[in-house]
Amino acid sequence: MGDRVNVPDDRTSDRRTVTSGFFEQEVYLSSEETATFLHDLADQLEAESSFTISASEWEIPFDYSDPIEVEIEFSEQRERELEIELEFTEPGGGDDLSVR
């Protein structure tokens, strides 16, 4: 199994790799496409501590560490809305730590 988790409509391999700065993208998927995406992400989370999220024009390779923050937000202002956010954090320091 590769580390790629594709957003549906992944048609080309000529894409920009995002590794720094700020990037935000909203994607609207059917419930079936969303389920497939979440299954692929769950499979990758069980297999490794890295994955690459990609679409036709961009990709984001990411190494992460536990814990993963899961935020649930419910709002009923103009319309009922449920937001589920996953936040992955790259592994923390300590790699350069040594005692001499």
Protein backbone atom coordinates (compact mmCIF):
# COMPACT_ATOMS: atom_id res chain seq x y z
CA MET A 1 0.00 0.00 0.00
CA GLY A 2 1.35 3.44 -0.95
CA ASP A 3 1.09 6.46 1.27
CA ARG A 4 -1.18 8.40 -1.11
CA VAL A 5 -4.70 9.44 -0.08
CA ASN A 6 -6.34 10.92 -3.17
CA VAL A 7 -9.08 13.46 -3.25
CA PRO A 8 -11.44 12.29 -6.04
CA ASP A 9 -10.74 13.71 -9.51
CA ASP A 10 -7.03 12.91 -9.26
CA ARG A 11 -6.27 12.86 -13.01
CA THR A 12 -2.72 14.04 -13.59
CA SER A 13 0.71 13.46 -12.11
CA ASP A 14 1.83 17.02 -12.97
CA ARG A 15 1.03 18.65 -9.65
CA ARG A 16 2.55 21.14 -7.23
CA THR A 17 4.02 19.69 -4.02
CA VAL A 18 3.19 21.80 -0.97
CA THR A 19 5.74 21.48 1.85
CA SER A 20 5.84 25.00 3.32
CA GLY A 21 3.86 28.20 3.60
CA PHE A 22 0.07 28.23 3.73
CA PHE A 23 -2.34 26.19 1.61
CA GLU A 24 -6.11 25.81 1.91
CA GLN A 25 -8.51 24.03 -0.41
CA GLU A 26 -12.21 23.28 -0.04
CA VAL A 27 -13.46 20.24 -1.91
CA TYR A 28 -17.10 19.22 -2.25
CA LEU A 29 -17.61 15.47 -2.48
CA SER A 30 -20.58 13.15 -2.65
CA SER A 31 -21.19 11.00 0.41
CA GLU A 32 -19.76 8.00 -1.48
CA GLU A 33 -16.62 9.93 -2.46
CA THR A 34 -16.25 11.21 1.11
CA ALA A 35 -16.56 7.67 2.49
CA THR A 36 -13.90 6.41 0.07
CA PHE A 37 -11.57 9.28 1.01
CA LEU A 38 -12.05 8.65 4.75
CA HIS A 39 -11.54 4.88 4.32
CA ASP A 40 -8.29 5.54 2.43
CA LEU A 41 -7.14 7.95 5.14
CA ALA A 42 -8.06 5.48 7.91
CA ASP A 43 -6.14 2.69 6.14
CA GLN A 44 -3.09 4.92 5.91
CA LEU A 45 -3.34 5.97 9.57
CA GLU A 46 -3.35 2.30 10.60
CA ALA A 47 -0.40 1.46 8.35
CA GLU A 48 2.09 4.28 8.79
CA SER A 49 2.83 7.67 10.36
CA SER A 50 2.88 9.49 7.03
CA PHE A 51 0.60 10.03 4.08
CA THR A 52 0.25 12.25 1.03
CA ILE A 53 -3.03 14.06 0.40
CA SER A 54 -3.37 14.89 -3.29
CA ALA A 55 -5.67 16.17 -6.01
CA SER A 56 -5.11 16.81 -9.70
CA GLU A 57 -3.07 20.01 -9.23
CA TRP A 58 -1.45 19.66 -5.78
CA GLU A 59 -0.12 17.21 -3.20
CA ILE A 60 0.89 17.50 0.44
CA PRO A 61 3.22 14.84 1.84
CA PHE A 62 3.04 14.82 5.64
CA ASP A 63 4.68 12.94 8.52
CA TYR A 64 2.69 13.16 11.73
CA SER A 65 2.82 12.02 15.33
CA ASP A 66 0.19 11.07 17.87
CA PRO A 67 -2.04 12.34 19.26
CA ILE A 68 -4.31 13.50 16.44
CA GLU A 69 -6.66 16.30 17.47
CA VAL A 70 -10.31 15.66 16.57
CA GLU A 71 -12.57 18.68 16.92
CA ILE A 72 -16.36 18.39 16.72
CA GLU A 73 -18.38 21.57 16.24
CA PHE A 74 -22.15 21.90 15.92
CA SER A 75 -23.89 25.13 14.97
CA GLU A 76 -27.48 26.07 14.31
CA GLN A 77 -27.44 29.66 13.15
CA ARG A 78 -28.84 30.01 9.62
CA GLU A 79 -28.81 26.26 9.06
CA ARG A 80 -27.75 23.21 11.05
CA GLU A 81 -24.09 22.44 10.48
CA LEU A 82 -21.76 19.80 11.88
CA GLU A 83 -18.03 20.24 11.41
CA ILE A 84 -15.48 17.50 12.07
CA GLU A 85 -11.88 18.61 11.90
CA LEU A 86 -8.78 16.42 12.12
CA GLU A 87 -5.52 18.12 13.01
CA PHE A 88 -2.23 16.33 12.44
CA THR A 89 1.01 17.65 13.93
CA GLU A 90 4.44 16.83 12.61
CA PRO A 91 6.72 14.92 14.96
CA GLY A 92 8.16 17.20 17.63
CA GLY A 93 11.80 17.99 18.29
CA GLY A 94 14.12 15.74 20.19
CA ASP A 95 15.89 14.43 17.10
CA ASP A 96 18.78 16.83 17.69
CA LEU A 97 18.88 16.26 21.47
CA SER A 98 22.04 14.62 22.77
CA VAL A 99 24.09 14.26 25.94
CA ARG A 100 27.89 14.42 25.77
